[in-house]
Amino acid sequence: MSMTPEERARKSADAMWANDDASKWLGMSLDDVGPGTAKVSFTVEKHHTNGHDMCHGGYIFTLADSAFAFACNSYNQRAVAQHNSITFLAPGKLDDRLTAVAREVVSAGRSGIYDATVETQDGTVIAAFRGNSRTIGGTHFDEPGEKA
């Protein structure tokens, strides 16, 4: 019996989330996942703020990078970041709920390009992220009907 793309994405995400201690430690939640897409969020707490009393850019980058990771791994093929960049557009503030939504732009061979936006709870876009992925071989789980 074959899996649907949505089932494959969810099972891949569940397998990754089980071992993603960094995202969990930062207080992130995996809110949604589908083929080539993922949504991850967290609430800015005092320990996420920098010397300007705004969310540290590294945490915003990490949030976008986590969404990117779940999106590019949603096909049950292990993938890693090859290159990522981010543009900060506005600050995240204490108690903001930040959400990163990543979407596949293109996939060709072992490489993929994904865009993610990071928004506050009121829809203000605070960062734009682009991630380039590379599959590295292997899967997150054995699919039904797959030969060992």
Protein backbone atom coordinates (compact mmCIF):
# COMPACT_ATOMS: atom_id res chain seq x y z
CA MET A 1 0.00 0.00 0.00
CA SER A 2 1.44 3.33 -1.07
CA MET A 3 1.56 6.40 1.16
CA THR A 4 0.10 9.72 0.12
CA PRO A 5 2.54 12.64 -0.17
CA GLU A 6 0.91 14.19 2.93
CA GLU A 7 1.37 10.97 4.95
CA ARG A 8 5.00 10.74 3.83
CA ALA A 9 5.63 14.37 4.84
CA ARG A 10 4.04 13.87 8.28
CA LYS A 11 5.90 10.63 8.97
CA SER A 12 9.21 12.20 7.86
CA ALA A 13 8.56 15.20 10.12
CA ASP A 14 7.64 12.99 13.08
CA ALA A 15 10.87 11.02 12.67
CA MET A 16 12.95 14.20 12.49
CA TRP A 17 11.11 15.96 15.34
CA ALA A 18 11.78 13.00 17.65
CA ASN A 19 15.52 13.79 17.43
CA ASP A 20 15.42 17.58 16.96
CA ASP A 21 16.59 18.57 20.41
CA ALA A 22 17.74 22.03 19.27
CA SER A 23 14.32 23.16 17.99
CA LYS A 24 12.56 21.75 21.05
CA TRP A 25 15.09 23.31 23.44
CA LEU A 26 14.47 26.72 21.88
CA GLY A 27 10.73 26.30 22.50
CA MET A 28 9.64 25.73 18.91
CA SER A 29 6.56 23.84 17.83
CA LEU A 30 6.09 22.06 14.51
CA ASP A 31 2.68 23.41 13.52
CA ASP A 32 2.17 21.98 10.04
CA VAL A 33 3.98 20.01 7.36
CA GLY A 34 3.18 18.90 3.84
CA PRO A 35 5.06 17.96 0.69
CA GLY A 36 7.72 20.69 0.30
CA THR A 37 6.28 22.90 3.04
CA ALA A 38 6.43 23.33 6.81
CA LYS A 39 5.34 25.78 9.50
CA VAL A 40 7.27 26.20 12.76
CA SER A 41 6.75 28.77 15.53
CA PHE A 42 7.90 29.94 18.96
CA THR A 43 7.17 32.73 21.42
CA VAL A 44 9.96 35.24 22.08
CA GLU A 45 10.96 34.96 25.73
CA LYS A 46 13.47 37.04 27.68
CA HIS A 47 16.30 34.56 27.01
CA HIS A 48 15.76 35.06 23.24
CA THR A 49 16.44 38.82 23.43
CA ASN A 50 19.67 40.64 22.65
CA GLY A 51 21.28 43.84 23.94
CA HIS A 52 18.66 45.93 22.10
CA ASP A 53 15.88 44.07 23.96
CA MET A 54 14.61 42.52 20.72
CA CYS A 55 14.70 38.94 19.49
CA HIS A 56 18.26 37.94 18.63
CA GLY A 57 18.64 37.45 14.88
CA GLY A 58 20.24 34.06 15.41
CA TYR A 59 17.01 32.75 16.89
CA ILE A 60 14.98 34.14 14.00
CA PHE A 61 17.42 32.48 11.58
CA THR A 62 17.14 29.21 13.52
CA LEU A 63 13.34 29.33 13.36
CA ALA A 64 13.41 29.83 9.57
CA ASP A 65 16.12 27.18 9.19
CA SER A 66 14.02 24.66 11.14
CA ALA A 67 10.99 25.29 8.91
CA PHE A 68 13.26 24.91 5.87
CA ALA A 69 14.64 21.63 7.27
CA PHE A 70 11.19 20.09 7.72
CA ALA A 71 10.10 21.27 4.26
CA CYS A 72 13.11 19.87 2.40
CA ASN A 73 12.99 16.58 4.32
CA SER A 74 9.29 16.03 3.65
CA TYR A 75 9.85 13.51 0.85
CA ASN A 76 11.50 10.87 3.09
CA GLN A 77 14.89 11.67 1.64
CA ARG A 78 17.52 12.93 4.06
CA ALA A 79 18.47 16.49 3.13
CA VAL A 80 20.74 19.10 4.67
CA ALA A 81 21.40 22.78 4.12
CA GLN A 82 23.89 23.61 1.41
CA HIS A 83 23.56 27.40 1.71
CA ASN A 84 21.14 29.68 3.55
CA SER A 85 20.65 33.44 3.71
CA ILE A 86 18.29 35.75 5.57
CA THR A 87 17.22 39.35 5.33
CA PHE A 88 15.90 40.95 8.51
CA LEU A 89 13.10 43.42 7.86
CA ALA A 90 11.74 44.29 11.32
CA PRO A 91 12.47 43.27 14.91
CA GLY A 92 10.82 40.50 16.83
CA LYS A 93 9.82 41.66 20.30
CA LEU A 94 9.39 40.06 23.69
CA ASP A 95 6.17 37.97 23.79
CA ASP A 96 5.77 37.97 19.99
CA ARG A 97 4.67 34.64 18.54
CA LEU A 98 6.97 34.19 15.53
CA THR A 99 5.99 31.80 12.76
CA ALA A 100 8.18 30.63 9.89
CA VAL A 101 6.53 29.12 6.82
CA ALA A 102 8.86 27.43 4.34
CA ARG A 103 7.86 26.46 0.80
CA GLU A 104 9.70 24.65 -1.96
CA VAL A 105 10.54 26.87 -4.93
CA VAL A 106 12.22 24.23 -7.07
CA SER A 107 13.77 20.77 -6.73
CA ALA A 108 16.19 19.39 -9.32
CA GLY A 109 18.22 16.23 -8.82
CA ARG A 110 19.79 16.33 -5.36
CA SER A 111 19.34 20.11 -4.92
CA GLY A 112 16.38 22.20 -3.82
CA ILE A 113 15.58 25.85 -3.20
CA TYR A 114 13.15 26.88 -0.46
CA ASP A 115 11.84 30.26 0.66
CA ALA A 116 10.61 30.99 4.17
CA THR A 117 9.01 34.03 5.70
CA VAL A 118 9.00 34.79 9.40
CA GLU A 119 5.98 36.72 10.67
CA THR A 120 4.68 38.00 13.98
CA GLN A 121 1.25 37.06 15.31
CA ASP A 122 -0.28 40.10 13.56
CA GLY A 123 1.15 39.14 10.15
CA THR A 124 4.10 41.54 10.09
CA VAL A 125 6.89 39.96 8.03
CA ILE A 126 10.12 40.37 10.00
CA ALA A 127 12.46 38.21 7.89
CA ALA A 128 12.83 36.59 4.48
CA PHE A 129 14.96 33.44 4.24
CA ARG A 130 16.21 31.38 1.31
CA GLY A 131 17.62 27.92 1.80
CA ASN A 132 19.39 25.64 -0.64
CA SER A 133 19.19 21.95 0.21
CA ARG A 134 21.13 18.90 -0.84
CA THR A 135 19.99 15.30 -0.38
CA ILE A 136 22.64 13.12 1.24
CA GLY A 137 21.21 9.62 0.83
CA GLY A 138 19.14 7.60 3.21
CA THR A 139 15.58 7.90 4.45
CA HIS A 140 13.85 8.82 7.70
CA PHE A 141 11.79 5.62 7.79
CA ASP A 142 11.18 2.45 5.80
CA GLU A 143 8.17 2.89 3.54
CA PRO A 144 5.55 0.17 3.18
CA GLY A 145 6.31 -2.13 0.28
CA GLU A 146 9.96 -1.03 0.16
CA LYS A 147 12.53 -3.77 -0.33
CA ALA A 148 15.29 -3.87 2.31
